[in-house]
Amino acid sequence: MKRSDFRFLERLRVRWAEVDLQKIVFNGHYLMYFDTAVAGYWRALALPYHETMTQLQGDLFMRKATVEYAASARYDEQLAVGMRCARIGNSSLVFVAAVFRGEQLLVQGELVYVFADPATQTSRPVPAALRQMFESFEAGQPVFAVHTGDWATLGAEALGIRQAVFADELRLAAAGVVDETDAAAGAVHAVARNLMGLALASGRLQGAAPGVAQVSRMATLAAVRGGHLGRAVLAALLEVARQRGDREVVLMAQASAVGFYEQLGFQGQGAAFEEAGLPHQAMRMAL
């Protein structure tokens, strides 16, 4: 088994609390590593677990877990945990997992889940929509798409995402969730939906000055952050700006997101400031 066998790899670093008296990772912690990788795998598929299971009216229950040890990991080593959906039966899903240090295989295992009724825990057929998500990802196909349009078309979905992120998570006032610009002429909205049609991330583009566009209201549901949804939404908005002839794009980034925007080519402008009780940084990028 090789790293290249896995499309998804969760990167971890061994913590002090995970090492036993033999100065190696305690054997039981590898199951925790597998579980952490499963959660990352769901993010990579653009599937927020609880929302997905609610939509499918079911849940996944562990039926069997096997672990085979070849070598040991030690404190502070960097590991990569591969996770792959290897087989989907009528009601079961089989995942293959492996822990690597560099290219060296340390531990491998198999996890068997059963899709079942959450109340009675009786098995049900794996829904076709869920099967498609796993098969598409493992085949290297896109698992979400970004749609652009006006507020009348995408506003309901965008509002749901903003409510979860800005109001429920950041506890911003109503003015920080929706404003008159949303429905204004020239405002363009982008929403990322997974293959099951669930809206997961959104953003807005508006005119700031002649030849200058402004990106705002960027939001991604917490459960799928790290799955490149925000990057895709921003790319879609930048493409709209290019097509309509804008020369540059500006935005007001939360301090925690400055690094994200810098990676995509934005540069900070001026001093940091506070808005809605949160530190922000003005940023710009030439198109």
C-alpha atoms as a PDB file:
ATOM      1  CA  MET A   1       0.000   0.000   0.000  1.00  0.00           C
ATOM      2  CA  LYS A   2       1.394   3.384  -1.093  1.00  0.00           C
ATOM      3  CA  ARG A   3       0.556   7.059  -0.513  1.00  0.00           C
ATOM      4  CA  SER A   4      -0.342   7.334  -4.176  1.00  0.00           C
ATOM      5  CA  ASP A   5      -3.173   4.854  -3.608  1.00  0.00           C
ATOM      6  CA  PHE A   6      -5.080   7.605  -1.789  1.00  0.00           C
ATOM      7  CA  ARG A   7      -6.642  10.717  -3.266  1.00  0.00           C
ATOM      8  CA  PHE A   8      -7.204  12.061   0.250  1.00  0.00           C
ATOM      9  CA  LEU A   9      -4.514  12.372   2.943  1.00  0.00           C
ATOM     10  CA  GLU A  10      -5.037  13.918   6.391  1.00  0.00           C
ATOM     11  CA  ARG A  11      -1.829  15.386   7.790  1.00  0.00           C
ATOM     12  CA  LEU A  12      -1.201  14.994  11.530  1.00  0.00           C
ATOM     13  CA  ARG A  13       1.599  15.543  14.014  1.00  0.00           C
ATOM     14  CA  VAL A  14       2.091  13.125  16.886  1.00  0.00           C
ATOM     15  CA  ARG A  15       1.299  14.767  20.226  1.00  0.00           C
ATOM     16  CA  TRP A  16       2.986  14.017  23.548  1.00  0.00           C
ATOM     17  CA  ALA A  17      -0.237  12.624  25.014  1.00  0.00           C
ATOM     18  CA  GLU A  18      -0.376   9.965  22.256  1.00  0.00           C
ATOM     19  CA  VAL A  19       2.963   8.356  23.154  1.00  0.00           C
ATOM     20  CA  ASP A  20       3.125   5.486  25.662  1.00  0.00           C
ATOM     21  CA  LEU A  21       5.877   4.211  27.973  1.00  0.00           C
ATOM     22  CA  GLN A  22       7.559   2.524  25.007  1.00  0.00           C
ATOM     23  CA  LYS A  23       8.020   6.021  23.548  1.00  0.00           C
ATOM     24  CA  ILE A  24       5.875   5.157  20.537  1.00  0.00           C
ATOM     25  CA  VAL A  25       2.283   5.996  19.642  1.00  0.00           C
ATOM     26  CA  PHE A  26      -0.068   3.843  21.718  1.00  0.00           C
ATOM     27  CA  ASN A  27      -1.743   1.339  19.413  1.00  0.00           C
ATOM     28  CA  GLY A  28      -5.284   2.493  20.155  1.00  0.00           C
ATOM     29  CA  HIS A  29      -4.567   6.031  18.961  1.00  0.00           C
ATOM     30  CA  TYR A  30      -4.316   4.863  15.366  1.00  0.00           C
ATOM     31  CA  LEU A  31      -8.075   4.330  15.384  1.00  0.00           C
ATOM     32  CA  MET A  32      -8.387   7.958  16.469  1.00  0.00           C
ATOM     33  CA  TYR A  33      -6.112   8.926  13.560  1.00  0.00           C
ATOM     34  CA  PHE A  34      -8.404   6.989  11.215  1.00  0.00           C
ATOM     35  CA  ASP A  35     -11.460   8.730  12.648  1.00  0.00           C
ATOM     36  CA  THR A  36      -9.832  12.136  12.209  1.00  0.00           C
ATOM     37  CA  ALA A  37      -9.086  11.252   8.587  1.00  0.00           C
ATOM     38  CA  VAL A  38     -12.690  10.159   8.023  1.00  0.00           C
ATOM     39  CA  ALA A  39     -13.862  13.612   9.147  1.00  0.00           C
ATOM     40  CA  GLY A  40     -11.380  15.229   6.756  1.00  0.00           C
ATOM     41  CA  TYR A  41     -12.535  12.924   3.974  1.00  0.00           C
ATOM     42  CA  TRP A  42     -16.102  14.171   4.421  1.00  0.00           C
ATOM     43  CA  ARG A  43     -14.862  17.768   4.134  1.00  0.00           C
ATOM     44  CA  ALA A  44     -12.971  16.876   0.958  1.00  0.00           C
ATOM     45  CA  LEU A  45     -16.238  15.525  -0.465  1.00  0.00           C
ATOM     46  CA  ALA A  46     -18.004  18.814   0.430  1.00  0.00           C
ATOM     47  CA  LEU A  47     -20.300  16.845   2.727  1.00  0.00           C
ATOM     48  CA  PRO A  48     -21.139  18.382   6.114  1.00  0.00           C
ATOM     49  CA  TYR A  49     -21.845  15.179   8.008  1.00  0.00           C
ATOM     50  CA  HIS A  50     -24.841  16.065  10.182  1.00  0.00           C
ATOM     51  CA  GLU A  51     -26.648  18.076   7.498  1.00  0.00           C
ATOM     52  CA  THR A  52     -26.075  15.291   4.980  1.00  0.00           C
ATOM     53  CA  MET A  53     -27.409  12.576   7.264  1.00  0.00           C
ATOM     54  CA  THR A  54     -30.451  14.686   8.101  1.00  0.00           C
ATOM     55  CA  GLN A  55     -31.153  15.166   4.419  1.00  0.00           C
ATOM     56  CA  LEU A  56     -30.782  11.418   3.773  1.00  0.00           C
ATOM     57  CA  GLN A  57     -32.806  10.470   6.876  1.00  0.00           C
ATOM     58  CA  GLY A  58     -30.184   7.994   8.000  1.00  0.00           C
ATOM     59  CA  ASP A  59     -26.801   7.675   9.672  1.00  0.00           C
ATOM     60  CA  LEU A  60     -23.606   5.627   9.477  1.00  0.00           C
ATOM     61  CA  PHE A  61     -22.782   3.123  12.214  1.00  0.00           C
ATOM     62  CA  MET A  62     -19.449   1.394  12.645  1.00  0.00           C
ATOM     63  CA  ARG A  63     -19.740  -2.353  12.088  1.00  0.00           C
ATOM     64  CA  LYS A  64     -16.120  -3.448  12.065  1.00  0.00           C
ATOM     65  CA  ALA A  65     -12.628  -1.979  12.392  1.00  0.00           C
ATOM     66  CA  THR A  66      -9.377  -3.835  11.794  1.00  0.00           C
ATOM     67  CA  VAL A  67      -5.845  -2.514  12.277  1.00  0.00           C
ATOM     68  CA  GLU A  68      -2.538  -4.009  11.151  1.00  0.00           C
ATOM     69  CA  TYR A  69       0.744  -2.639  12.522  1.00  0.00           C
ATOM     70  CA  ALA A  70       3.968  -2.635  10.518  1.00  0.00           C
ATOM     71  CA  ALA A  71       6.040   0.057  12.279  1.00  0.00           C
ATOM     72  CA  SER A  72       5.642   2.694  14.981  1.00  0.00           C
ATOM     73  CA  ALA A  73       5.278   6.455  14.938  1.00  0.00           C
ATOM     74  CA  ARG A  74       7.041   8.546  17.579  1.00  0.00           C
ATOM     75  CA  TYR A  75       6.529  11.875  19.296  1.00  0.00           C
ATOM     76  CA  ASP A  76       6.433  14.975  17.065  1.00  0.00           C
ATOM     77  CA  GLU A  77       6.685  13.037  13.804  1.00  0.00           C
ATOM     78  CA  GLN A  78       4.582  14.274  10.907  1.00  0.00           C
ATOM     79  CA  LEU A  79       2.207  11.680   9.527  1.00  0.00           C
ATOM     80  CA  ALA A  80      -0.170  11.412   6.597  1.00  0.00           C
ATOM     81  CA  VAL A  81      -3.313   9.321   7.044  1.00  0.00           C
ATOM     82  CA  GLY A  82      -4.770   8.077   3.768  1.00  0.00           C
ATOM     83  CA  MET A  83      -8.500   7.370   3.558  1.00  0.00           C
ATOM     84  CA  ARG A  84     -10.305   5.795   0.622  1.00  0.00           C
ATOM     85  CA  CYS A  85     -13.829   4.507   0.054  1.00  0.00           C
ATOM     86  CA  ALA A  86     -12.943   1.130  -1.403  1.00  0.00           C
ATOM     87  CA  ARG A  87     -16.331  -0.530  -1.763  1.00  0.00           C
ATOM     88  CA  ILE A  88     -20.014   0.305  -1.466  1.00  0.00           C
ATOM     89  CA  GLY A  89     -22.419  -2.555  -0.928  1.00  0.00           C
ATOM     90  CA  ASN A  90     -26.183  -2.503  -0.578  1.00  0.00           C
ATOM     91  CA  SER A  91     -26.100  -0.955   2.897  1.00  0.00           C
ATOM     92  CA  SER A  92     -22.401  -1.015   3.770  1.00  0.00           C
ATOM     93  CA  LEU A  93     -19.419   1.195   2.999  1.00  0.00           C
ATOM     94  CA  VAL A  94     -15.869  -0.105   3.307  1.00  0.00           C
ATOM     95  CA  PHE A  95     -13.021   2.350   3.847  1.00  0.00           C
ATOM     96  CA  VAL A  96      -9.334   1.520   3.585  1.00  0.00           C
ATOM     97  CA  ALA A  97      -7.008   3.548   5.795  1.00  0.00           C
ATOM     98  CA  ALA A  98      -3.230   3.826   6.086  1.00  0.00           C
ATOM     99  CA  VAL A  99      -0.753   5.846   8.136  1.00  0.00           C
ATOM    100  CA  PHE A 100       2.462   6.973   6.431  1.00  0.00           C
ATOM    101  CA  ARG A 101       5.661   8.592   7.675  1.00  0.00           C
ATOM    102  CA  GLY A 102       7.000  10.024   4.455  1.00  0.00           C
ATOM    103  CA  GLU A 103       6.555   7.122   2.045  1.00  0.00           C
ATOM    104  CA  GLN A 104       6.878   4.456   4.753  1.00  0.00           C
ATOM    105  CA  LEU A 105       3.697   2.567   5.606  1.00  0.00           C
ATOM    106  CA  LEU A 106       3.328   2.326   9.388  1.00  0.00           C
ATOM    107  CA  VAL A 107      -0.218   1.123   9.971  1.00  0.00           C
ATOM    108  CA  GLN A 108      -3.110   0.089   7.767  1.00  0.00           C
ATOM    109  CA  GLY A 109      -6.701  -0.783   8.462  1.00  0.00           C
ATOM    110  CA  GLU A 110     -10.226  -1.277   7.242  1.00  0.00           C
ATOM    111  CA  LEU A 111     -13.373   0.415   8.501  1.00  0.00           C
ATOM    112  CA  VAL A 112     -16.814  -0.996   7.726  1.00  0.00           C
ATOM    113  CA  TYR A 113     -19.855   1.242   8.186  1.00  0.00           C
ATOM    114  CA  VAL A 114     -23.527   0.437   7.744  1.00  0.00           C
ATOM    115  CA  PHE A 115     -26.070   3.003   6.603  1.00  0.00           C
ATOM    116  CA  ALA A 116     -29.080   2.631   8.877  1.00  0.00           C
ATOM    117  CA  ASP A 117     -32.184   4.182  10.364  1.00  0.00           C
ATOM    118  CA  PRO A 118     -30.921   6.509  13.147  1.00  0.00           C
ATOM    119  CA  ALA A 119     -33.735   5.546  15.526  1.00  0.00           C
ATOM    120  CA  THR A 120     -33.864   1.760  15.121  1.00  0.00           C
ATOM    121  CA  GLN A 121     -30.312   1.236  13.790  1.00  0.00           C
ATOM    122  CA  THR A 122     -31.704  -1.178  11.208  1.00  0.00           C
ATOM    123  CA  SER A 123     -29.827  -1.151   7.907  1.00  0.00           C
ATOM    124  CA  ARG A 124     -31.046   0.711   4.843  1.00  0.00           C
ATOM    125  CA  PRO A 125     -29.748   0.787   1.257  1.00  0.00           C
ATOM    126  CA  VAL A 126     -27.022   3.369   0.728  1.00  0.00           C
ATOM    127  CA  PRO A 127     -28.810   6.333  -0.953  1.00  0.00           C
ATOM    128  CA  ALA A 128     -27.944   6.826  -4.613  1.00  0.00           C
ATOM    129  CA  ALA A 129     -26.946  10.462  -3.962  1.00  0.00           C
ATOM    130  CA  LEU A 130     -24.402   9.420  -1.321  1.00  0.00           C
ATOM    131  CA  ARG A 131     -23.071   6.647  -3.524  1.00  0.00           C
ATOM    132  CA  GLN A 132     -22.576   9.162  -6.334  1.00  0.00           C
ATOM    133  CA  MET A 133     -20.612  11.512  -4.060  1.00  0.00           C
ATOM    134  CA  PHE A 134     -18.135   8.811  -3.050  1.00  0.00           C
ATOM    135  CA  GLU A 135     -17.756   7.432  -6.560  1.00  0.00           C
ATOM    136  CA  SER A 136     -17.274  10.887  -8.074  1.00  0.00           C
ATOM    137  CA  PHE A 137     -14.587  11.851  -5.574  1.00  0.00           C
ATOM    138  CA  GLU A 138     -12.620   8.612  -5.937  1.00  0.00           C
ATOM    139  CA  ALA A 139     -12.811   8.973  -9.721  1.00  0.00           C
ATOM    140  CA  GLY A 140     -11.251  12.435  -9.478  1.00  0.00           C
ATOM    141  CA  GLN A 141     -14.410  14.256 -10.532  1.00  0.00           C
ATOM    142  CA  PRO A 142     -15.641  17.571  -9.030  1.00  0.00           C
ATOM    143  CA  VAL A 143     -17.858  17.183  -5.967  1.00  0.00           C
ATOM    144  CA  PHE A 144     -19.255  20.726  -5.985  1.00  0.00           C
ATOM    145  CA  ALA A 145     -20.026  23.507  -8.440  1.00  0.00           C
ATOM    146  CA  VAL A 146     -20.183  27.295  -8.088  1.00  0.00           C
ATOM    147  CA  HIS A 147     -23.191  29.149  -9.462  1.00  0.00           C
ATOM    148  CA  THR A 148     -23.384  32.909 -10.008  1.00  0.00           C
ATOM    149  CA  GLY A 149     -26.461  35.099 -10.300  1.00  0.00           C
ATOM    150  CA  ASP A 150     -28.488  37.862  -8.723  1.00  0.00           C
ATOM    151  CA  TRP A 151     -30.089  37.991  -5.276  1.00  0.00           C
ATOM    152  CA  ALA A 152     -33.456  36.838  -6.572  1.00  0.00           C
ATOM    153  CA  THR A 153     -31.836  33.650  -7.860  1.00  0.00           C
ATOM    154  CA  LEU A 154     -29.323  32.829  -5.111  1.00  0.00           C
ATOM    155  CA  GLY A 155     -30.355  35.013  -2.190  1.00  0.00           C
ATOM    156  CA  ALA A 156     -32.197  32.366  -0.178  1.00  0.00           C
ATOM    157  CA  GLU A 157     -29.202  30.022  -0.206  1.00  0.00           C
ATOM    158  CA  ALA A 158     -26.693  32.798   0.436  1.00  0.00           C
ATOM    159  CA  LEU A 159     -28.766  34.072   3.341  1.00  0.00           C
ATOM    160  CA  GLY A 160     -28.839  30.629   4.950  1.00  0.00           C
ATOM    161  CA  ILE A 161     -25.052  30.390   4.807  1.00  0.00           C
ATOM    162  CA  ARG A 162     -24.573  33.923   6.140  1.00  0.00           C
ATOM    163  CA  GLN A 163     -27.004  33.282   8.973  1.00  0.00           C
ATOM    164  CA  ALA A 164     -24.994  30.246  10.066  1.00  0.00           C
ATOM    165  CA  VAL A 165     -21.611  31.995   9.787  1.00  0.00           C
ATOM    166  CA  PHE A 166     -22.186  35.686  10.555  1.00  0.00           C
ATOM    167  CA  ALA A 167     -25.141  35.564  12.948  1.00  0.00           C
ATOM    168  CA  ASP A 168     -24.903  32.180  14.690  1.00  0.00           C
ATOM    169  CA  GLU A 169     -21.116  31.750  14.713  1.00  0.00           C
ATOM    170  CA  LEU A 170     -19.732  35.310  14.787  1.00  0.00           C
ATOM    171  CA  ARG A 171     -22.796  36.811  16.469  1.00  0.00           C
ATOM    172  CA  LEU A 172     -22.923  39.812  14.181  1.00  0.00           C
ATOM    173  CA  ALA A 173     -25.963  42.084  14.061  1.00  0.00           C
ATOM    174  CA  ALA A 174     -28.536  41.758  11.281  1.00  0.00           C
ATOM    175  CA  ALA A 175     -26.785  44.494   9.277  1.00  0.00           C
ATOM    176  CA  GLY A 176     -23.773  42.208   8.999  1.00  0.00           C
ATOM    177  CA  VAL A 177     -25.868  39.463   7.422  1.00  0.00           C
ATOM    178  CA  VAL A 178     -27.870  41.222   4.703  1.00  0.00           C
ATOM    179  CA  ASP A 179     -28.098  44.802   3.396  1.00  0.00           C
ATOM    180  CA  GLU A 180     -29.536  46.859   0.557  1.00  0.00           C
ATOM    181  CA  THR A 181     -26.526  46.142  -1.684  1.00  0.00           C
ATOM    182  CA  ASP A 182     -27.536  42.488  -2.031  1.00  0.00           C
ATOM    183  CA  ALA A 183     -30.458  43.233  -4.347  1.00  0.00           C
ATOM    184  CA  ALA A 184     -28.890  46.304  -5.985  1.00  0.00           C
ATOM    185  CA  ALA A 185     -28.315  46.425  -9.724  1.00  0.00           C
ATOM    186  CA  GLY A 186     -24.902  45.059 -10.648  1.00  0.00           C
ATOM    187  CA  ALA A 187     -24.444  42.964  -7.510  1.00  0.00           C
ATOM    188  CA  VAL A 188     -23.404  39.408  -8.366  1.00  0.00           C
ATOM    189  CA  HIS A 189     -23.654  36.535  -5.917  1.00  0.00           C
ATOM    190  CA  ALA A 190     -21.871  33.185  -5.984  1.00  0.00           C
ATOM    191  CA  VAL A 191     -23.014  30.021  -4.200  1.00  0.00           C
ATOM    192  CA  ALA A 192     -21.178  26.691  -4.062  1.00  0.00           C
ATOM    193  CA  ARG A 193     -23.406  23.611  -3.981  1.00  0.00           C
ATOM    194  CA  ASN A 194     -22.321  20.005  -3.594  1.00  0.00           C
ATOM    195  CA  LEU A 195     -23.646  17.206  -5.809  1.00  0.00           C
ATOM    196  CA  MET A 196     -26.564  16.726  -3.442  1.00  0.00           C
ATOM    197  CA  GLY A 197     -27.624  20.338  -3.985  1.00  0.00           C
ATOM    198  CA  LEU A 198     -26.661  21.580  -0.518  1.00  0.00           C
ATOM    199  CA  ALA A 199     -25.409  25.193  -0.482  1.00  0.00           C
ATOM    200  CA  LEU A 200     -22.121  25.394   1.431  1.00  0.00           C
ATOM    201  CA  ALA A 201     -20.331  28.675   0.636  1.00  0.00           C
ATOM    202  CA  SER A 202     -21.189  32.062  -0.808  1.00  0.00           C
ATOM    203  CA  GLY A 203     -19.802  35.487  -1.678  1.00  0.00           C
ATOM    204  CA  ARG A 204     -20.770  38.790  -3.296  1.00  0.00           C
ATOM    205  CA  LEU A 205     -19.275  41.077  -5.953  1.00  0.00           C
ATOM    206  CA  GLN A 206     -20.284  44.718  -6.309  1.00  0.00           C
ATOM    207  CA  GLY A 207     -18.947  47.843  -7.941  1.00  0.00           C
ATOM    208  CA  ALA A 208     -16.765  50.010  -5.694  1.00  0.00           C
ATOM    209  CA  ALA A 209     -15.617  52.613  -8.243  1.00  0.00           C
ATOM    210  CA  PRO A 210     -15.182  52.786 -12.029  1.00  0.00           C
ATOM    211  CA  GLY A 211     -13.059  49.751 -12.958  1.00  0.00           C
ATOM    212  CA  VAL A 212     -12.899  48.567  -9.342  1.00  0.00           C
ATOM    213  CA  ALA A 213     -14.946  45.686  -7.937  1.00  0.00           C
ATOM    214  CA  GLN A 214     -15.374  44.769  -4.292  1.00  0.00           C
ATOM    215  CA  VAL A 215     -15.727  41.249  -2.900  1.00  0.00           C
ATOM    216  CA  SER A 216     -17.674  40.924   0.324  1.00  0.00           C
ATOM    217  CA  ARG A 217     -19.867  38.613   2.403  1.00  0.00           C
ATOM    218  CA  MET A 218     -17.525  35.645   1.856  1.00  0.00           C
ATOM    219  CA  ALA A 219     -18.732  32.764   4.031  1.00  0.00           C
ATOM    220  CA  THR A 220     -18.257  28.986   4.216  1.00  0.00           C
ATOM    221  CA  LEU A 221     -20.083  26.630   6.554  1.00  0.00           C
ATOM    222  CA  ALA A 222     -17.770  25.562   9.384  1.00  0.00           C
ATOM    223  CA  ALA A 223     -18.152  21.834   8.733  1.00  0.00           C
ATOM    224  CA  VAL A 224     -16.593  22.055   5.254  1.00  0.00           C
ATOM    225  CA  ARG A 225     -13.903  24.700   5.738  1.00  0.00           C
ATOM    226  CA  GLY A 226     -10.603  23.559   4.331  1.00  0.00           C
ATOM    227  CA  GLY A 227     -12.296  21.918   1.345  1.00  0.00           C
ATOM    228  CA  HIS A 228     -11.414  24.784  -1.075  1.00  0.00           C
ATOM    229  CA  LEU A 229     -15.011  25.975  -1.370  1.00  0.00           C
ATOM    230  CA  GLY A 230     -14.158  29.567  -0.443  1.00  0.00           C
ATOM    231  CA  ARG A 231     -11.321  29.551  -2.965  1.00  0.00           C
ATOM    232  CA  ALA A 232     -13.716  28.393  -5.698  1.00  0.00           C
ATOM    233  CA  VAL A 233     -16.340  31.020  -4.806  1.00  0.00           C
ATOM    234  CA  LEU A 234     -13.713  33.759  -4.899  1.00  0.00           C
ATOM    235  CA  ALA A 235     -12.378  32.494  -8.247  1.00  0.00           C
ATOM    236  CA  ALA A 236     -15.883  32.638  -9.721  1.00  0.00           C
ATOM    237  CA  LEU A 237     -16.385  36.226  -8.533  1.00  0.00           C
ATOM    238  CA  LEU A 238     -12.984  37.296  -9.875  1.00  0.00           C
ATOM    239  CA  GLU A 239     -13.874  35.810 -13.247  1.00  0.00           C
ATOM    240  CA  VAL A 240     -17.090  37.852 -13.295  1.00  0.00           C
ATOM    241  CA  ALA A 241     -15.030  40.973 -12.525  1.00  0.00           C
ATOM    242  CA  ARG A 242     -12.615  40.220 -15.383  1.00  0.00           C
ATOM    243  CA  GLN A 243     -15.409  39.597 -17.855  1.00  0.00           C
ATOM    244  CA  ARG A 244     -17.034  42.925 -17.129  1.00  0.00           C
ATOM    245  CA  GLY A 245     -13.747  44.779 -17.485  1.00  0.00           C
ATOM    246  CA  ASP A 246     -12.784  45.606 -13.908  1.00  0.00           C
ATOM    247  CA  ARG A 247      -9.085  46.388 -13.449  1.00  0.00           C
ATOM    248  CA  GLU A 248      -8.782  45.553  -9.765  1.00  0.00           C
ATOM    249  CA  VAL A 249     -10.654  43.980  -6.878  1.00  0.00           C
ATOM    250  CA  VAL A 250     -10.697  45.147  -3.270  1.00  0.00           C
ATOM    251  CA  LEU A 251     -12.015  43.536  -0.111  1.00  0.00           C
ATOM    252  CA  MET A 252     -12.027  43.954   3.654  1.00  0.00           C
ATOM    253  CA  ALA A 253     -10.645  40.733   5.117  1.00  0.00           C
ATOM    254  CA  GLN A 254     -11.091  39.568   8.659  1.00  0.00           C
ATOM    255  CA  ALA A 255      -7.639  39.343  10.256  1.00  0.00           C
ATOM    256  CA  SER A 256      -7.929  35.552  10.503  1.00  0.00           C
ATOM    257  CA  ALA A 257      -8.465  35.311   6.722  1.00  0.00           C
ATOM    258  CA  VAL A 258      -5.616  37.583   5.577  1.00  0.00           C
ATOM    259  CA  GLY A 259      -3.310  34.632   4.909  1.00  0.00           C
ATOM    260  CA  PHE A 260      -5.977  32.969   2.770  1.00  0.00           C
ATOM    261  CA  TYR A 261      -6.325  36.029   0.548  1.00  0.00           C
ATOM    262  CA  GLU A 262      -2.562  36.570   0.358  1.00  0.00           C
ATOM    263  CA  GLN A 263      -2.159  33.060  -1.041  1.00  0.00           C
ATOM    264  CA  LEU A 264      -4.566  34.011  -3.822  1.00  0.00           C
ATOM    265  CA  GLY A 265      -2.712  37.171  -4.815  1.00  0.00           C
ATOM    266  CA  PHE A 266      -4.254  39.912  -2.644  1.00  0.00           C
ATOM    267  CA  GLN A 267      -2.042  42.439  -0.865  1.00  0.00           C
ATOM    268  CA  GLY A 268      -2.734  44.390   2.301  1.00  0.00           C
ATOM    269  CA  GLN A 269      -3.393  48.121   2.021  1.00  0.00           C
ATOM    270  CA  GLY A 270      -3.015  50.541   4.919  1.00  0.00           C
ATOM    271  CA  ALA A 271      -3.378  49.858   8.617  1.00  0.00           C
ATOM    272  CA  ALA A 272      -5.633  47.255  10.194  1.00  0.00           C
ATOM    273  CA  PHE A 273      -8.975  48.487  11.511  1.00  0.00           C
ATOM    274  CA  GLU A 274     -11.959  47.222  13.457  1.00  0.00           C
ATOM    275  CA  GLU A 275     -15.393  46.612  11.974  1.00  0.00           C
ATOM    276  CA  ALA A 276     -18.378  45.000  13.726  1.00  0.00           C
ATOM    277  CA  GLY A 277     -16.075  44.312  16.666  1.00  0.00           C
ATOM    278  CA  LEU A 278     -13.631  42.247  14.569  1.00  0.00           C
ATOM    279  CA  PRO A 279     -10.137  43.205  13.307  1.00  0.00           C
ATOM    280  CA  HIS A 280     -10.006  43.708   9.518  1.00  0.00           C
ATOM    281  CA  GLN A 281      -7.439  44.485   6.833  1.00  0.00           C
ATOM    282  CA  ALA A 282      -8.112  46.248   3.524  1.00  0.00           C
ATOM    283  CA  MET A 283      -6.678  44.263   0.599  1.00  0.00           C
ATOM    284  CA  ARG A 284      -6.490  44.630  -3.176  1.00  0.00           C
ATOM    285  CA  MET A 285      -5.491  42.664  -6.252  1.00  0.00           C
ATOM    286  CA  ALA A 286      -4.910  43.839  -9.830  1.00  0.00           C
ATOM    287  CA  LEU A 287      -6.690  41.846 -12.518  1.00  0.00           C
END
